[in-house]
Amino acid sequence: NGQGFVVDISDFYKEGYDPKWEHL
């Protein structure tokens, strides 16, 4: 319905920078 959700947060405890979302 035009809204966005984050389904998987299992790696949110990890350290470092992950650019996947910025690239997407």
PDB file of all heavy atoms in Angstrom:
ATOM      1  N   ASN A   1       0.819  -1.213   0.000  1.00  0.00           N
ATOM      2  CA  ASN A   1       0.000   0.000   0.000  1.00  0.00           C
ATOM      3  C   ASN A   1       0.854   1.265   0.000  1.00  0.00           C
ATOM      4  O   ASN A   1       0.552   2.248   0.692  1.00  0.00           O
ATOM      5  CB  ASN A   1      -0.949   0.004   1.204  1.00  0.00           C
ATOM      6  CG  ASN A   1      -1.925  -1.164   1.188  1.00  0.00           C
ATOM      7  OD1 ASN A   1      -2.331  -1.628   0.127  1.00  0.00           O
ATOM      8  ND2 ASN A   1      -2.284  -1.648   2.359  1.00  0.00           N
ATOM      9  N   GLY A   2       1.961   1.219  -0.750  1.00  0.00           N
ATOM     10  CA  GLY A   2       2.793   2.392  -0.890  1.00  0.00           C
ATOM     11  C   GLY A   2       3.708   2.684   0.279  1.00  0.00           C
ATOM     12  O   GLY A   2       4.369   3.722   0.306  1.00  0.00           O
ATOM     13  N   GLN A   3       3.768   1.783   1.256  1.00  0.00           N
ATOM     14  CA  GLN A   3       4.634   1.962   2.411  1.00  0.00           C
ATOM     15  C   GLN A   3       5.791   0.975   2.354  1.00  0.00           C
ATOM     16  O   GLN A   3       5.669  -0.130   1.813  1.00  0.00           O
ATOM     17  CB  GLN A   3       3.860   1.762   3.713  1.00  0.00           C
ATOM     18  CG  GLN A   3       2.810   2.823   3.976  1.00  0.00           C
ATOM     19  CD  GLN A   3       2.080   2.576   5.278  1.00  0.00           C
ATOM     20  OE1 GLN A   3       1.190   1.727   5.373  1.00  0.00           O
ATOM     21  NE2 GLN A   3       2.456   3.314   6.296  1.00  0.00           N
ATOM     22  N   GLY A   4       6.936   1.355   2.944  1.00  0.00           N
ATOM     23  CA  GLY A   4       8.119   0.505   2.941  1.00  0.00           C
ATOM     24  C   GLY A   4       8.376  -0.125   4.294  1.00  0.00           C
ATOM     25  O   GLY A   4       8.126   0.492   5.346  1.00  0.00           O
ATOM     26  N   PHE A   5       8.881  -1.366   4.284  1.00  0.00           N
ATOM     27  CA  PHE A   5       9.167  -2.109   5.509  1.00  0.00           C
ATOM     28  C   PHE A   5      10.533  -2.791   5.395  1.00  0.00           C
ATOM     29  O   PHE A   5      10.963  -3.135   4.297  1.00  0.00           O
ATOM     30  CB  PHE A   5       8.102  -3.180   5.767  1.00  0.00           C
ATOM     31  CG  PHE A   5       6.694  -2.657   5.788  1.00  0.00           C
ATOM     32  CD1 PHE A   5       5.928  -2.631   4.622  1.00  0.00           C
ATOM     33  CD2 PHE A   5       6.136  -2.179   6.952  1.00  0.00           C
ATOM     34  CE1 PHE A   5       4.636  -2.142   4.628  1.00  0.00           C
ATOM     35  CE2 PHE A   5       4.843  -1.692   6.980  1.00  0.00           C
ATOM     36  CZ  PHE A   5       4.091  -1.671   5.817  1.00  0.00           C
ATOM     37  N   VAL A   6      11.160  -2.995   6.541  1.00  0.00           N
ATOM     38  CA  VAL A   6      12.421  -3.733   6.603  1.00  0.00           C
ATOM     39  C   VAL A   6      12.122  -5.095   7.205  1.00  0.00           C
ATOM     40  O   VAL A   6      11.683  -5.189   8.357  1.00  0.00           O
ATOM     41  CB  VAL A   6      13.473  -2.989   7.447  1.00  0.00           C
ATOM     42  CG1 VAL A   6      14.789  -3.764   7.458  1.00  0.00           C
ATOM     43  CG2 VAL A   6      13.684  -1.579   6.913  1.00  0.00           C
ATOM     44  N   VAL A   7      12.345  -6.143   6.449  1.00  0.00           N
ATOM     45  CA  VAL A   7      11.940  -7.481   6.867  1.00  0.00           C
ATOM     46  C   VAL A   7      13.006  -8.170   7.709  1.00  0.00           C
ATOM     47  O   VAL A   7      12.695  -8.839   8.695  1.00  0.00           O
ATOM     48  CB  VAL A   7      11.616  -8.349   5.628  1.00  0.00           C
ATOM     49  CG1 VAL A   7      11.190  -9.747   6.054  1.00  0.00           C
ATOM     50  CG2 VAL A   7      10.551  -7.692   4.782  1.00  0.00           C
ATOM     51  N   ASP A   8      14.270  -8.020   7.344  1.00  0.00           N
ATOM     52  CA  ASP A   8      15.345  -8.789   7.986  1.00  0.00           C
ATOM     53  C   ASP A   8      16.325  -7.848   8.672  1.00  0.00           C
ATOM     54  O   ASP A   8      16.989  -7.042   8.017  1.00  0.00           O
ATOM     55  CB  ASP A   8      16.068  -9.633   6.941  1.00  0.00           C
ATOM     56  CG  ASP A   8      17.049 -10.626   7.561  1.00  0.00           C
ATOM     57  OD1 ASP A   8      17.235 -10.589   8.794  1.00  0.00           O
ATOM     58  OD2 ASP A   8      17.630 -11.426   6.812  1.00  0.00           O
ATOM     59  N   ILE A   9      16.416  -7.960  10.006  1.00  0.00           N
ATOM     60  CA  ILE A   9      17.334  -7.114  10.771  1.00  0.00           C
ATOM     61  C   ILE A   9      18.388  -7.967  11.487  1.00  0.00           C
ATOM     62  O   ILE A   9      19.055  -7.501  12.407  1.00  0.00           O
ATOM     63  CB  ILE A   9      16.560  -6.252  11.786  1.00  0.00           C
ATOM     64  CG1 ILE A   9      15.601  -7.109  12.643  1.00  0.00           C
ATOM     65  CG2 ILE A   9      15.724  -5.218  11.061  1.00  0.00           C
ATOM     66  CD1 ILE A   9      16.199  -7.759  13.816  1.00  0.00           C
ATOM     67  N   SER A  10      18.553  -9.195  11.024  1.00  0.00           N
ATOM     68  CA  SER A  10      19.391 -10.159  11.740  1.00  0.00           C
ATOM     69  C   SER A  10      20.861  -9.756  11.801  1.00  0.00           C
ATOM     70  O   SER A  10      21.591 -10.220  12.680  1.00  0.00           O
ATOM     71  CB  SER A  10      19.271 -11.551  11.099  1.00  0.00           C
ATOM     72  OG  SER A  10      19.643 -11.511   9.733  1.00  0.00           O
ATOM     73  N   ASP A  11      21.316  -8.893  10.876  1.00  0.00           N
ATOM     74  CA  ASP A  11      22.733  -8.501  10.854  1.00  0.00           C
ATOM     75  C   ASP A  11      22.970  -7.089  11.390  1.00  0.00           C
ATOM     76  O   ASP A  11      24.071  -6.559  11.259  1.00  0.00           O
ATOM     77  CB  ASP A  11      23.279  -8.590   9.419  1.00  0.00           C
ATOM     78  CG  ASP A  11      23.400 -10.030   8.940  1.00  0.00           C
ATOM     79  OD1 ASP A  11      23.695 -10.899   9.773  1.00  0.00           O
ATOM     80  OD2 ASP A  11      23.193 -10.279   7.741  1.00  0.00           O
ATOM     81  N   PHE A  12      21.964  -6.494  12.019  1.00  0.00           N
ATOM     82  CA  PHE A  12      22.094  -5.117  12.482  1.00  0.00           C
ATOM     83  C   PHE A  12      23.051  -4.968  13.669  1.00  0.00           C
ATOM     84  O   PHE A  12      23.367  -3.847  14.056  1.00  0.00           O
ATOM     85  CB  PHE A  12      20.725  -4.551  12.876  1.00  0.00           C
ATOM     86  CG  PHE A  12      19.908  -4.060  11.714  1.00  0.00           C
ATOM     87  CD1 PHE A  12      20.077  -4.594  10.436  1.00  0.00           C
ATOM     88  CD2 PHE A  12      18.953  -3.069  11.885  1.00  0.00           C
ATOM     89  CE1 PHE A  12      19.321  -4.151   9.367  1.00  0.00           C
ATOM     90  CE2 PHE A  12      18.195  -2.613  10.817  1.00  0.00           C
ATOM     91  CZ  PHE A  12      18.371  -3.159   9.562  1.00  0.00           C
ATOM     92  N   TYR A  13      23.507  -6.070  14.236  1.00  0.00           N
ATOM     93  CA  TYR A  13      24.453  -6.013  15.358  1.00  0.00           C
ATOM     94  C   TYR A  13      25.902  -5.942  14.865  1.00  0.00           C
ATOM     95  O   TYR A  13      26.817  -5.651  15.647  1.00  0.00           O
ATOM     96  CB  TYR A  13      24.292  -7.249  16.253  1.00  0.00           C
ATOM     97  CG  TYR A  13      24.746  -8.530  15.589  1.00  0.00           C
ATOM     98  CD1 TYR A  13      26.057  -8.984  15.710  1.00  0.00           C
ATOM     99  CD2 TYR A  13      23.869  -9.279  14.811  1.00  0.00           C
ATOM    100  CE1 TYR A  13      26.483 -10.146  15.083  1.00  0.00           C
ATOM    101  CE2 TYR A  13      24.279 -10.438  14.176  1.00  0.00           C
ATOM    102  CZ  TYR A  13      25.586 -10.858  14.318  1.00  0.00           C
ATOM    103  OH  TYR A  13      26.008 -12.002  13.674  1.00  0.00           O
ATOM    104  N   LYS A  14      26.117  -6.201  13.580  1.00  0.00           N
ATOM    105  CA  LYS A  14      27.478  -6.277  13.060  1.00  0.00           C
ATOM    106  C   LYS A  14      28.119  -4.888  12.960  1.00  0.00           C
ATOM    107  O   LYS A  14      27.421  -3.869  12.894  1.00  0.00           O
ATOM    108  CB  LYS A  14      27.483  -6.950  11.686  1.00  0.00           C
ATOM    109  CG  LYS A  14      27.093  -8.416  11.733  1.00  0.00           C
ATOM    110  CD  LYS A  14      27.175  -9.059  10.364  1.00  0.00           C
ATOM    111  CE  LYS A  14      26.859 -10.556  10.437  1.00  0.00           C
ATOM    112  NZ  LYS A  14      26.908 -11.197   9.110  1.00  0.00           N
ATOM    113  N   GLU A  15      29.441  -4.876  12.939  1.00  0.00           N
ATOM    114  CA  GLU A  15      30.176  -3.624  12.834  1.00  0.00           C
ATOM    115  C   GLU A  15      30.622  -3.394  11.387  1.00  0.00           C
ATOM    116  O   GLU A  15      30.620  -4.303  10.567  1.00  0.00           O
ATOM    117  CB  GLU A  15      31.404  -3.656  13.757  1.00  0.00           C
ATOM    118  CG  GLU A  15      31.044  -3.770  15.227  1.00  0.00           C
ATOM    119  CD  GLU A  15      32.278  -3.789  16.114  1.00  0.00           C
ATOM    120  OE1 GLU A  15      33.391  -3.861  15.564  1.00  0.00           O
ATOM    121  OE2 GLU A  15      32.125  -3.727  17.346  1.00  0.00           O
ATOM    122  N   GLY A  16      31.008  -2.154  11.104  1.00  0.00           N
ATOM    123  CA  GLY A  16      31.473  -1.818   9.768  1.00  0.00           C
ATOM    124  C   GLY A  16      30.387  -1.155   8.934  1.00  0.00           C
ATOM    125  O   GLY A  16      29.219  -1.088   9.330  1.00  0.00           O
ATOM    126  N   TYR A  17      30.783  -0.666   7.786  1.00  0.00           N
ATOM    127  CA  TYR A  17      29.856   0.018   6.888  1.00  0.00           C
ATOM    128  C   TYR A  17      29.464  -0.904   5.745  1.00  0.00           C
ATOM    129  O   TYR A  17      30.321  -1.483   5.077  1.00  0.00           O
ATOM    130  CB  TYR A  17      30.503   1.291   6.336  1.00  0.00           C
ATOM    131  CG  TYR A  17      29.701   1.955   5.243  1.00  0.00           C
ATOM    132  CD1 TYR A  17      28.447   2.480   5.504  1.00  0.00           C
ATOM    133  CD2 TYR A  17      30.213   2.038   3.938  1.00  0.00           C
ATOM    134  CE1 TYR A  17      27.697   3.083   4.499  1.00  0.00           C
ATOM    135  CE2 TYR A  17      29.477   2.652   2.925  1.00  0.00           C
ATOM    136  CZ  TYR A  17      28.222   3.166   3.214  1.00  0.00           C
ATOM    137  OH  TYR A  17      27.487   3.763   2.222  1.00  0.00           O
ATOM    138  N   ASP A  18      28.175  -1.048   5.535  1.00  0.00           N
ATOM    139  CA  ASP A  18      27.664  -1.861   4.434  1.00  0.00           C
ATOM    140  C   ASP A  18      26.893  -0.943   3.486  1.00  0.00           C
ATOM    141  O   ASP A  18      25.856  -0.384   3.865  1.00  0.00           O
ATOM    142  CB  ASP A  18      26.747  -2.959   4.967  1.00  0.00           C
ATOM    143  CG  ASP A  18      26.325  -3.938   3.883  1.00  0.00           C
ATOM    144  OD1 ASP A  18      26.477  -3.596   2.697  1.00  0.00           O
ATOM    145  OD2 ASP A  18      25.851  -5.034   4.214  1.00  0.00           O
ATOM    146  N   PRO A  19      27.360  -0.769   2.255  1.00  0.00           N
ATOM    147  CA  PRO A  19      26.744   0.206   1.341  1.00  0.00           C
ATOM    148  C   PRO A  19      25.571  -0.323   0.518  1.00  0.00           C
ATOM    149  O   PRO A  19      25.089   0.371  -0.375  1.00  0.00           O
ATOM    150  CB  PRO A  19      27.912   0.573   0.421  1.00  0.00           C
ATOM    151  CG  PRO A  19      28.679  -0.713   0.312  1.00  0.00           C
ATOM    152  CD  PRO A  19      28.567  -1.381   1.661  1.00  0.00           C
ATOM    153  N   LYS A  20      25.107  -1.546   0.787  1.00  0.00           N
ATOM    154  CA  LYS A  20      24.102  -2.144  -0.104  1.00  0.00           C
ATOM    155  C   LYS A  20      22.871  -1.258  -0.283  1.00  0.00           C
ATOM    156  O   LYS A  20      22.389  -1.064  -1.401  1.00  0.00           O
ATOM    157  CB  LYS A  20      23.687  -3.521   0.417  1.00  0.00           C
ATOM    158  CG  LYS A  20      24.731  -4.611   0.318  1.00  0.00           C
ATOM    159  CD  LYS A  20      24.114  -5.961   0.637  1.00  0.00           C
ATOM    160  CE  LYS A  20      25.164  -7.062   0.709  1.00  0.00           C
ATOM    161  NZ  LYS A  20      25.976  -6.953   1.940  1.00  0.00           N
ATOM    162  N   TRP A  21      22.316  -0.752   0.840  1.00  0.00           N
ATOM    163  CA  TRP A  21      21.102   0.039   0.702  1.00  0.00           C
ATOM    164  C   TRP A  21      21.375   1.337  -0.044  1.00  0.00           C
ATOM    165  O   TRP A  21      20.565   1.757  -0.885  1.00  0.00           O
ATOM    166  CB  TRP A  21      20.474   0.328   2.055  1.00  0.00           C
ATOM    167  CG  TRP A  21      19.293   1.262   1.902  1.00  0.00           C
ATOM    168  CD1 TRP A  21      19.187   2.559   2.286  1.00  0.00           C
ATOM    169  CD2 TRP A  21      18.058   0.943   1.236  1.00  0.00           C
ATOM    170  NE1 TRP A  21      17.977   3.082   1.920  1.00  0.00           N
ATOM    171  CE2 TRP A  21      17.253   2.109   1.271  1.00  0.00           C
ATOM    172  CE3 TRP A  21      17.542  -0.203   0.617  1.00  0.00           C
ATOM    173  CZ2 TRP A  21      15.977   2.152   0.724  1.00  0.00           C
ATOM    174  CZ3 TRP A  21      16.280  -0.147   0.067  1.00  0.00           C
ATOM    175  CH2 TRP A  21      15.506   1.012   0.129  1.00  0.00           C
ATOM    176  N   GLU A  22      22.490   1.987   0.233  1.00  0.00           N
ATOM    177  CA  GLU A  22      22.810   3.229  -0.469  1.00  0.00           C
ATOM    178  C   GLU A  22      22.977   2.978  -1.967  1.00  0.00           C
ATOM    179  O   GLU A  22      22.539   3.783  -2.794  1.00  0.00           O
ATOM    180  CB  GLU A  22      24.082   3.861   0.107  1.00  0.00           C
ATOM    181  CG  GLU A  22      23.852   4.621   1.397  1.00  0.00           C
ATOM    182  CD  GLU A  22      22.774   5.701   1.262  1.00  0.00           C
ATOM    183  OE1 GLU A  22      22.880   6.522   0.327  1.00  0.00           O
ATOM    184  OE2 GLU A  22      21.819   5.703   2.061  1.00  0.00           O
ATOM    185  N   HIS A  23      23.582   1.857  -2.315  1.00  0.00           N
ATOM    186  CA  HIS A  23      23.723   1.516  -3.731  1.00  0.00           C
ATOM    187  C   HIS A  23      22.360   1.255  -4.368  1.00  0.00           C
ATOM    188  O   HIS A  23      22.102   1.675  -5.507  1.00  0.00           O
ATOM    189  CB  HIS A  23      24.619   0.290  -3.887  1.00  0.00           C
ATOM    190  CG  HIS A  23      26.056   0.570  -3.577  1.00  0.00           C
ATOM    191  ND1 HIS A  23      26.990  -0.432  -3.396  1.00  0.00           N
ATOM    192  CD2 HIS A  23      26.725   1.735  -3.392  1.00  0.00           C
ATOM    193  CE1 HIS A  23      28.164   0.112  -3.128  1.00  0.00           C
ATOM    194  NE2 HIS A  23      28.024   1.426  -3.121  1.00  0.00           N
ATOM    195  N   LEU A  24      21.491   0.555  -3.629  1.00  0.00           N
ATOM    196  CA  LEU A  24      20.163   0.269  -4.169  1.00  0.00           C
ATOM    197  C   LEU A  24      19.353   1.557  -4.310  1.00  0.00           C
ATOM    198  O   LEU A  24      18.641   1.747  -5.297  1.00  0.00           O
ATOM    199  CB  LEU A  24      19.435  -0.733  -3.258  1.00  0.00           C
ATOM    200  CG  LEU A  24      18.140  -1.346  -3.814  1.00  0.00           C
ATOM    201  CD1 LEU A  24      17.940  -2.748  -3.232  1.00  0.00           C
ATOM    202  CD2 LEU A  24      16.925  -0.493  -3.491  1.00  0.00           C
TER     203      LEU A  24
END
